[in-house]
PDB file of N, CA and C in Angstrom:
ATOM      1  N   MET A   1      53.159  74.277 141.543  1.00  0.00           N
ATOM      2  CA  MET A   1      54.444  73.930 140.961  1.00  0.00           C
ATOM      3  C   MET A   1      55.157  72.851 141.781  1.00  0.00           C
ATOM      4  N   LEU A   2      55.038  72.930 143.092  1.00  0.00           N
ATOM      5  CA  LEU A   2      55.694  71.924 143.925  1.00  0.00           C
ATOM      6  C   LEU A   2      55.139  70.532 143.655  1.00  0.00           C
ATOM      7  N   GLU A   3      53.833  70.435 143.452  1.00  0.00           N
ATOM      8  CA  GLU A   3      53.238  69.132 143.164  1.00  0.00           C
ATOM      9  C   GLU A   3      53.686  68.614 141.805  1.00  0.00           C
ATOM     10  N   ALA A   4      53.827  69.502 140.827  1.00  0.00           N
ATOM     11  CA  ALA A   4      54.308  69.099 139.507  1.00  0.00           C
ATOM     12  C   ALA A   4      55.750  68.610 139.585  1.00  0.00           C
ATOM     13  N   VAL A   5      56.560  69.267 140.385  1.00  0.00           N
ATOM     14  CA  VAL A   5      57.946  68.846 140.575  1.00  0.00           C
ATOM     15  C   VAL A   5      57.977  67.459 141.219  1.00  0.00           C
ATOM     16  N   GLU A   6      57.155  67.255 142.228  1.00  0.00           N
ATOM     17  CA  GLU A   6      57.134  65.966 142.921  1.00  0.00           C
ATOM     18  C   GLU A   6      56.768  64.821 141.975  1.00  0.00           C
ATOM     19  N   ARG A   7      55.849  65.083 141.048  1.00  0.00           N
ATOM     20  CA  ARG A   7      55.409  64.049 140.111  1.00  0.00           C
ATOM     21  C   ARG A   7      56.417  63.774 139.009  1.00  0.00           C
ATOM     22  N   THR A   8      57.115  64.803 138.526  1.00  0.00           N
ATOM     23  CA  THR A   8      57.881  64.649 137.283  1.00  0.00           C
ATOM     24  C   THR A   8      59.392  64.770 137.413  1.00  0.00           C
ATOM     25  N   ILE A   9      59.934  65.010 138.590  1.00  0.00           N
ATOM     26  CA  ILE A   9      61.373  65.287 138.686  1.00  0.00           C
ATOM     27  C   ILE A   9      62.231  64.108 138.250  1.00  0.00           C
ATOM     28  N   HIS A  10      61.865  62.906 138.602  1.00  0.00           N
ATOM     29  CA  HIS A  10      62.712  61.760 138.274  1.00  0.00           C
ATOM     30  C   HIS A  10      62.550  61.304 136.823  1.00  0.00           C
ATOM     31  N   LEU A  11      61.571  61.842 136.117  1.00  0.00           N
ATOM     32  CA  LEU A  11      61.346  61.491 134.711  1.00  0.00           C
ATOM     33  C   LEU A  11      61.905  62.544 133.762  1.00  0.00           C
ATOM     34  N   SER A  12      62.415  63.634 134.280  1.00  0.00           N
ATOM     35  CA  SER A  12      62.851  64.780 133.481  1.00  0.00           C
ATOM     36  C   SER A  12      64.315  64.648 133.066  1.00  0.00           C
ATOM     37  N   PRO A  13      64.745  65.459 132.071  1.00  0.00           N
ATOM     38  CA  PRO A  13      66.165  65.505 131.709  1.00  0.00           C
ATOM     39  C   PRO A  13      67.005  66.070 132.858  1.00  0.00           C
ATOM     40  N   ASP A  14      68.305  65.836 132.779  1.00  0.00           N
ATOM     41  CA  ASP A  14      69.192  66.196 133.890  1.00  0.00           C
ATOM     42  C   ASP A  14      69.168  67.678 134.243  1.00  0.00           C
ATOM     43  N   ARG A  15      69.178  68.555 133.241  1.00  0.00           N
ATOM     44  CA  ARG A  15      69.165  69.995 133.535  1.00  0.00           C
ATOM     45  C   ARG A  15      67.883  70.398 134.235  1.00  0.00           C
ATOM     46  N   ALA A  16      66.772  69.800 133.830  1.00  0.00           N
ATOM     47  CA  ALA A  16      65.489  70.098 134.458  1.00  0.00           C
ATOM     48  C   ALA A  16      65.450  69.551 135.880  1.00  0.00           C
ATOM     49  N   LYS A  17      66.033  68.376 136.095  1.00  0.00           N
ATOM     50  CA  LYS A  17      66.092  67.809 137.451  1.00  0.00           C
ATOM     51  C   LYS A  17      66.833  68.750 138.394  1.00  0.00           C
ATOM     52  N   TYR A  18      67.975  69.236 137.918  1.00  0.00           N
ATOM     53  CA  TYR A  18      68.785  70.131 138.739  1.00  0.00           C
ATOM     54  C   TYR A  18      68.010  71.406 139.071  1.00  0.00           C
ATOM     55  N   ALA A  19      67.341  71.973 138.071  1.00  0.00           N
ATOM     56  CA  ALA A  19      66.574  73.209 138.272  1.00  0.00           C
ATOM     57  C   ALA A  19      65.384  72.976 139.200  1.00  0.00           C
ATOM     58  N   MET A  20      64.702  71.852 139.041  1.00  0.00           N
ATOM     59  CA  MET A  20      63.556  71.547 139.908  1.00  0.00           C
ATOM     60  C   MET A  20      64.002  71.358 141.355  1.00  0.00           C
ATOM     61  N   ASN A  21      65.112  70.679 141.548  1.00  0.00           N
ATOM     62  CA  ASN A  21      65.640  70.470 142.890  1.00  0.00           C
ATOM     63  C   ASN A  21      66.001  71.804 143.539  1.00  0.00           C
ATOM     64  N   ASN A  22      66.626  72.691 142.769  1.00  0.00           N
ATOM     65  CA  ASN A  22      66.971  74.024 143.264  1.00  0.00           C
ATOM     66  C   ASN A  22      65.713  74.830 143.589  1.00  0.00           C
ATOM     67  N   PHE A  23      64.681  74.687 142.762  1.00  0.00           N
ATOM     68  CA  PHE A  23      63.412  75.378 143.001  1.00  0.00           C
ATOM     69  C   PHE A  23      62.794  74.959 144.324  1.00  0.00           C
ATOM     70  N   VAL A  24      62.781  73.659 144.601  1.00  0.00           N
ATOM     71  CA  VAL A  24      62.189  73.165 145.851  1.00  0.00           C
ATOM     72  C   VAL A  24      62.946  73.715 147.058  1.00  0.00           C
ATOM     73  N   SER A  25      64.267  73.696 147.004  1.00  0.00           N
ATOM     74  CA  SER A  25      65.033  74.209 148.142  1.00  0.00           C
ATOM     75  C   SER A  25      64.877  75.718 148.287  1.00  0.00           C
ATOM     76  N   THR A  26      64.782  76.450 147.187  1.00  0.00           N
ATOM     77  CA  THR A  26      64.604  77.896 147.250  1.00  0.00           C
ATOM     78  C   THR A  26      63.251  78.269 147.833  1.00  0.00           C
ATOM     79  N   VAL A  27      62.197  77.585 147.400  1.00  0.00           N
ATOM     80  CA  VAL A  27      60.862  77.852 147.945  1.00  0.00           C
ATOM     81  C   VAL A  27      60.829  77.514 149.434  1.00  0.00           C
ATOM     82  N   GLY A  28      61.447  76.420 149.815  1.00  0.00           N
ATOM     83  CA  GLY A  28      61.454  76.017 151.220  1.00  0.00           C
ATOM     84  C   GLY A  28      62.166  76.995 152.126  1.00  0.00           C
ATOM     85  N   VAL A  29      63.158  77.686 151.593  1.00  0.00           N
ATOM     86  CA  VAL A  29      63.926  78.631 152.401  1.00  0.00           C
ATOM     87  C   VAL A  29      63.336  80.033 152.358  1.00  0.00           C
ATOM     88  N   SER A  30      62.934  80.497 151.181  1.00  0.00           N
ATOM     89  CA  SER A  30      62.615  81.911 151.049  1.00  0.00           C
ATOM     90  C   SER A  30      61.141  82.260 151.148  1.00  0.00           C
ATOM     91  N   TYR A  31      60.232  81.308 150.997  1.00  0.00           N
ATOM     92  CA  TYR A  31      58.804  81.627 151.033  1.00  0.00           C
ATOM     93  C   TYR A  31      58.149  80.873 152.179  1.00  0.00           C
ATOM     94  N   ILE A  32      57.969  81.557 153.303  1.00  0.00           N
ATOM     95  CA  ILE A  32      57.501  80.928 154.544  1.00  0.00           C
ATOM     96  C   ILE A  32      56.128  80.271 154.426  1.00  0.00           C
ATOM     97  N   PRO A  33      55.137  80.840 153.709  1.00  0.00           N
ATOM     98  CA  PRO A  33      53.836  80.159 153.631  1.00  0.00           C
ATOM     99  C   PRO A  33      53.893  78.765 152.994  1.00  0.00           C
ATOM    100  N   LEU A  34      54.866  78.507 152.130  1.00  0.00           N
ATOM    101  CA  LEU A  34      54.981  77.191 151.502  1.00  0.00           C
ATOM    102  C   LEU A  34      56.135  76.360 152.054  1.00  0.00           C
ATOM    103  N   HIS A  35      56.674  76.761 153.189  1.00  0.00           N
ATOM    104  CA  HIS A  35      57.821  76.054 153.766  1.00  0.00           C
ATOM    105  C   HIS A  35      57.495  74.594 154.067  1.00  0.00           C
ATOM    106  N   GLU A  36      56.401  74.334 154.753  1.00  0.00           N
ATOM    107  CA  GLU A  36      56.052  72.958 155.133  1.00  0.00           C
ATOM    108  C   GLU A  36      55.798  72.087 153.907  1.00  0.00           C
ATOM    109  N   LYS A  37      55.135  72.628 152.909  1.00  0.00           N
ATOM    110  CA  LYS A  37      54.870  71.885 151.676  1.00  0.00           C
ATOM    111  C   LYS A  37      56.177  71.565 150.963  1.00  0.00           C
ATOM    112  N   ALA A  38      57.087  72.522 150.920  1.00  0.00           N
ATOM    113  CA  ALA A  38      58.373  72.307 150.265  1.00  0.00           C
ATOM    114  C   ALA A  38      59.197  71.252 150.998  1.00  0.00           C
ATOM    115  N   VAL A  39      59.129  71.243 152.316  1.00  0.00           N
ATOM    116  CA  VAL A  39      59.847  70.232 153.095  1.00  0.00           C
ATOM    117  C   VAL A  39      59.289  68.839 152.791  1.00  0.00           C
ATOM    118  N   SER A  40      57.971  68.718 152.712  1.00  0.00           N
ATOM    119  CA  SER A  40      57.386  67.409 152.421  1.00  0.00           C
ATOM    120  C   SER A  40      57.727  66.955 150.997  1.00  0.00           C
ATOM    121  N   VAL A  41      57.741  67.875 150.041  1.00  0.00           N
ATOM    122  CA  VAL A  41      58.124  67.527 148.672  1.00  0.00           C
ATOM    123  C   VAL A  41      59.603  67.136 148.623  1.00  0.00           C
ATOM    124  N   ALA A  42      60.450  67.859 149.332  1.00  0.00           N
ATOM    125  CA  ALA A  42      61.882  67.554 149.351  1.00  0.00           C
ATOM    126  C   ALA A  42      62.130  66.174 149.944  1.00  0.00           C
ATOM    127  N   ASN A  43      61.406  65.835 150.991  1.00  0.00           N
ATOM    128  CA  ASN A  43      61.554  64.501 151.575  1.00  0.00           C
ATOM    129  C   ASN A  43      61.034  63.428 150.626  1.00  0.00           C
ATOM    130  N   ALA A  44      59.992  63.735 149.870  1.00  0.00           N
ATOM    131  CA  ALA A  44      59.421  62.758 148.948  1.00  0.00           C
ATOM    132  C   ALA A  44      60.338  62.499 147.749  1.00  0.00           C
ATOM    133  N   ILE A  45      60.993  63.538 147.236  1.00  0.00           N
ATOM    134  CA  ILE A  45      61.834  63.323 146.053  1.00  0.00           C
ATOM    135  C   ILE A  45      63.182  62.722 146.425  1.00  0.00           C
ATOM    136  N   GLY A  46      63.676  62.992 147.624  1.00  0.00           N
ATOM    137  CA  GLY A  46      64.926  62.391 148.070  1.00  0.00           C
ATOM    138  C   GLY A  46      66.128  62.856 147.274  1.00  0.00           C
ATOM    139  N   ILE A  47      67.027  61.919 146.992  1.00  0.00           N
ATOM    140  CA  ILE A  47      68.251  62.224 146.262  1.00  0.00           C
ATOM    141  C   ILE A  47      67.940  62.251 144.771  1.00  0.00           C
ATOM    142  N   VAL A  48      68.418  63.285 144.096  1.00  0.00           N
ATOM    143  CA  VAL A  48      68.207  63.445 142.656  1.00  0.00           C
ATOM    144  C   VAL A  48      69.510  63.101 141.952  1.00  0.00           C
ATOM    145  N   ASP A  49      69.462  62.103 141.069  1.00  0.00           N
ATOM    146  CA  ASP A  49      70.650  61.694 140.319  1.00  0.00           C
ATOM    147  C   ASP A  49      70.767  62.539 139.058  1.00  0.00           C
ATOM    148  N   VAL A  50      71.882  63.278 138.972  1.00  0.00           N
ATOM    149  CA  VAL A  50      72.147  64.128 137.812  1.00  0.00           C
ATOM    150  C   VAL A  50      73.522  63.764 137.285  1.00  0.00           C
ATOM    151  N   PHE A  51      73.592  63.466 135.998  1.00  0.00           N
ATOM    152  CA  PHE A  51      74.875  63.142 135.383  1.00  0.00           C
ATOM    153  C   PHE A  51      75.600  64.438 135.067  1.00  0.00           C
ATOM    154  N   GLY A  52      76.745  64.636 135.676  1.00  0.00           N
ATOM    155  CA  GLY A  52      77.484  65.871 135.503  1.00  0.00           C
ATOM    156  C   GLY A  52      78.625  65.775 134.522  1.00  0.00           C
ATOM    157  N   GLY A  53      78.682  64.706 133.741  1.00  0.00           N
ATOM    158  CA  GLY A  53      79.793  64.539 132.809  1.00  0.00           C
ATOM    159  C   GLY A  53      81.022  64.074 133.557  1.00  0.00           C
ATOM    160  N   LYS A  54      82.175  64.630 133.201  1.00  0.00           N
ATOM    161  CA  LYS A  54      83.428  64.242 133.836  1.00  0.00           C
ATOM    162  C   LYS A  54      83.673  64.978 135.146  1.00  0.00           C
ATOM    163  N   THR A  55      82.843  65.973 135.442  1.00  0.00           N
ATOM    164  CA  THR A  55      83.040  66.750 136.667  1.00  0.00           C
ATOM    165  C   THR A  55      82.468  66.014 137.864  1.00  0.00           C
ATOM    166  N   LYS A  56      82.832  66.470 139.031  1.00  0.00           N
ATOM    167  CA  LYS A  56      82.325  65.860 140.253  1.00  0.00           C
ATOM    168  C   LYS A  56      81.116  66.616 140.793  1.00  0.00           C
ATOM    169  N   CYS A  57      80.387  67.249 139.926  1.00  0.00           N
ATOM    170  CA  CYS A  57      79.251  68.046 140.366  1.00  0.00           C
ATOM    171  C   CYS A  57      78.045  67.142 140.570  1.00  0.00           C
ATOM    172  N   SER A  58      77.275  67.428 141.593  1.00  0.00           N
ATOM    173  CA  SER A  58      76.065  66.663 141.857  1.00  0.00           C
ATOM    174  C   SER A  58      75.018  67.615 142.417  1.00  0.00           C
ATOM    175  N   ALA A  59      73.779  67.202 142.330  1.00  0.00           N
ATOM    176  CA  ALA A  59      72.685  68.042 142.833  1.00  0.00           C
ATOM    177  C   ALA A  59      72.606  67.890 144.350  1.00  0.00           C
ATOM    178  N   PRO A  60      72.528  69.005 145.074  1.00  0.00           N
ATOM    179  CA  PRO A  60      72.393  68.905 146.526  1.00  0.00           C
ATOM    180  C   PRO A  60      71.015  68.364 146.896  1.00  0.00           C
ATOM    181  N   VAL A  61      70.937  67.673 148.010  1.00  0.00           N
ATOM    182  CA  VAL A  61      69.660  67.144 148.483  1.00  0.00           C
ATOM    183  C   VAL A  61      68.849  68.316 149.032  1.00  0.00           C
ATOM    184  N   ALA A  62      67.672  68.531 148.483  1.00  0.00           N
ATOM    185  CA  ALA A  62      66.863  69.704 148.827  1.00  0.00           C
ATOM    186  C   ALA A  62      66.484  69.708 150.307  1.00  0.00           C
ATOM    187  N   ALA A  63      66.167  68.552 150.853  1.00  0.00           N
ATOM    188  CA  ALA A  63      65.781  68.483 152.270  1.00  0.00           C
ATOM    189  C   ALA A  63      66.930  68.927 153.173  1.00  0.00           C
ATOM    190  N   ASP A  64      68.160  68.546 152.814  1.00  0.00           N
ATOM    191  CA  ASP A  64      69.327  68.958 153.605  1.00  0.00           C
ATOM    192  C   ASP A  64      69.571  70.457 153.511  1.00  0.00           C
ATOM    193  N   GLU A  65      69.396  71.013 152.311  1.00  0.00           N
ATOM    194  CA  GLU A  65      69.592  72.451 152.123  1.00  0.00           C
ATOM    195  C   GLU A  65      68.572  73.260 152.932  1.00  0.00           C
ATOM    196  N   ILE A  66      67.337  72.813 152.945  1.00  0.00           N
ATOM    197  CA  ILE A  66      66.300  73.503 153.719  1.00  0.00           C
ATOM    198  C   ILE A  66      66.603  73.401 155.207  1.00  0.00           C
ATOM    199  N   GLN A  67      67.038  72.225 155.652  1.00  0.00           N
ATOM    200  CA  GLN A  67      67.340  72.042 157.075  1.00  0.00           C
ATOM    201  C   GLN A  67      68.526  72.902 157.509  1.00  0.00           C
ATOM    202  N   LYS A  68      69.526  73.060 156.641  1.00  0.00           N
ATOM    203  CA  LYS A  68      70.661  73.933 156.956  1.00  0.00           C
ATOM    204  C   LYS A  68      70.199  75.368 157.175  1.00  0.00           C
ATOM    205  N   ALA A  69      69.287  75.834 156.317  1.00  0.00           N
ATOM    206  CA  ALA A  69      68.774  77.197 156.452  1.00  0.00           C
ATOM    207  C   ALA A  69      67.956  77.349 157.733  1.00  0.00           C
ATOM    208  N   VAL A  70      67.194  76.324 158.086  1.00  0.00           N
ATOM    209  CA  VAL A  70      66.416  76.371 159.331  1.00  0.00           C
ATOM    210  C   VAL A  70      67.352  76.438 160.532  1.00  0.00           C
ATOM    211  N   ASP A  71      68.420  75.640 160.509  1.00  0.00           N
ATOM    212  CA  ASP A  71      69.380  75.629 161.618  1.00  0.00           C
ATOM    213  C   ASP A  71      70.077  76.977 161.783  1.00  0.00           C
ATOM    214  N   LYS A  72      70.300  77.676 160.669  1.00  0.00           N
ATOM    215  CA  LYS A  72      70.954  78.987 160.719  1.00  0.00           C
ATOM    216  C   LYS A  72      69.967  80.118 161.008  1.00  0.00           C
ATOM    217  N   GLY A  73      68.669  79.802 161.014  1.00  0.00           N
ATOM    218  CA  GLY A  73      67.666  80.832 161.254  1.00  0.00           C
ATOM    219  C   GLY A  73      67.480  81.757 160.075  1.00  0.00           C
ATOM    220  N   ARG A  74      67.577  81.232 158.866  1.00  0.00           N
ATOM    221  CA  ARG A  74      67.515  82.066 157.675  1.00  0.00           C
ATOM    222  C   ARG A  74      66.231  81.870 156.876  1.00  0.00           C
ATOM    223  N   LEU A  75      65.175  81.407 157.489  1.00  0.00           N
ATOM    224  CA  LEU A  75      63.909  81.259 156.761  1.00  0.00           C
ATOM    225  C   LEU A  75      63.374  82.632 156.401  1.00  0.00           C
ATOM    226  N   GLY A  76      62.878  82.753 155.190  1.00  0.00           N
ATOM    227  CA  GLY A  76      62.352  84.024 154.726  1.00  0.00           C
ATOM    228  C   GLY A  76      63.434  84.987 154.297  1.00  0.00           C
ATOM    229  N   PHE A  77      64.678  84.542 154.307  1.00  0.00           N
ATOM    230  CA  PHE A  77      65.802  85.384 153.926  1.00  0.00           C
ATOM    231  C   PHE A  77      65.768  85.652 152.429  1.00  0.00           C
ATOM    232  N   LYS A  78      65.900  86.881 152.065  1.00  0.00           N
ATOM    233  CA  LYS A  78      65.956  87.260 150.654  1.00  0.00           C
ATOM    234  C   LYS A  78      67.189  88.128 150.450  1.00  0.00           C
ATOM    235  N   ARG A  79      67.958  87.830 149.448  1.00  0.00           N
ATOM    236  CA  ARG A  79      69.165  88.603 149.192  1.00  0.00           C
ATOM    237  C   ARG A  79      68.797  90.012 148.731  1.00  0.00           C
ATOM    238  N   LYS A  80      69.569  90.978 149.192  1.00  0.00           N
ATOM    239  CA  LYS A  80      69.313  92.348 148.790  1.00  0.00           C
ATOM    240  C   LYS A  80      70.060  92.685 147.506  1.00  0.00           C
ATOM    241  N   ASN A  81      71.211  92.050 147.274  1.00  0.00           N
ATOM    242  CA  ASN A  81      71.992  92.295 146.078  1.00  0.00           C
ATOM    243  C   ASN A  81      72.237  90.972 145.369  1.00  0.00           C
ATOM    244  N   VAL A  82      72.260  91.037 144.055  1.00  0.00           N
ATOM    245  CA  VAL A  82      72.529  89.847 143.251  1.00  0.00           C
ATOM    246  C   VAL A  82      73.787  90.097 142.436  1.00  0.00           C
ATOM    247  N   ARG A  83      74.710  89.175 142.490  1.00  0.00           N
ATOM    248  CA  ARG A  83      75.929  89.291 141.699  1.00  0.00           C
ATOM    249  C   ARG A  83      75.773  88.463 140.441  1.00  0.00           C
ATOM    250  N   CYS A  84      76.222  89.007 139.345  1.00  0.00           N
ATOM    251  CA  CYS A  84      76.163  88.281 138.067  1.00  0.00           C
ATOM    252  C   CYS A  84      77.540  87.851 137.641  1.00  0.00           C
TER     253      CYS A  84
END
């Protein structure tokens, strides 16, 4: 999946771009065996341009999100509770 994201993220619709970017950062943080691969994919895709309409929302850079988690020591962290 990471390789498919790397190939197609910039050609996809905006909602898919946002979801793919989130997927890369989530895999990089929560699944340790694929951490290095996710970091390389995040560096390869770089900044993802997503049109958010009139809002100031933008897609976070996946490489930065992964690095923040590494700095906090949260690799492999999985939430115990999910809020809806």
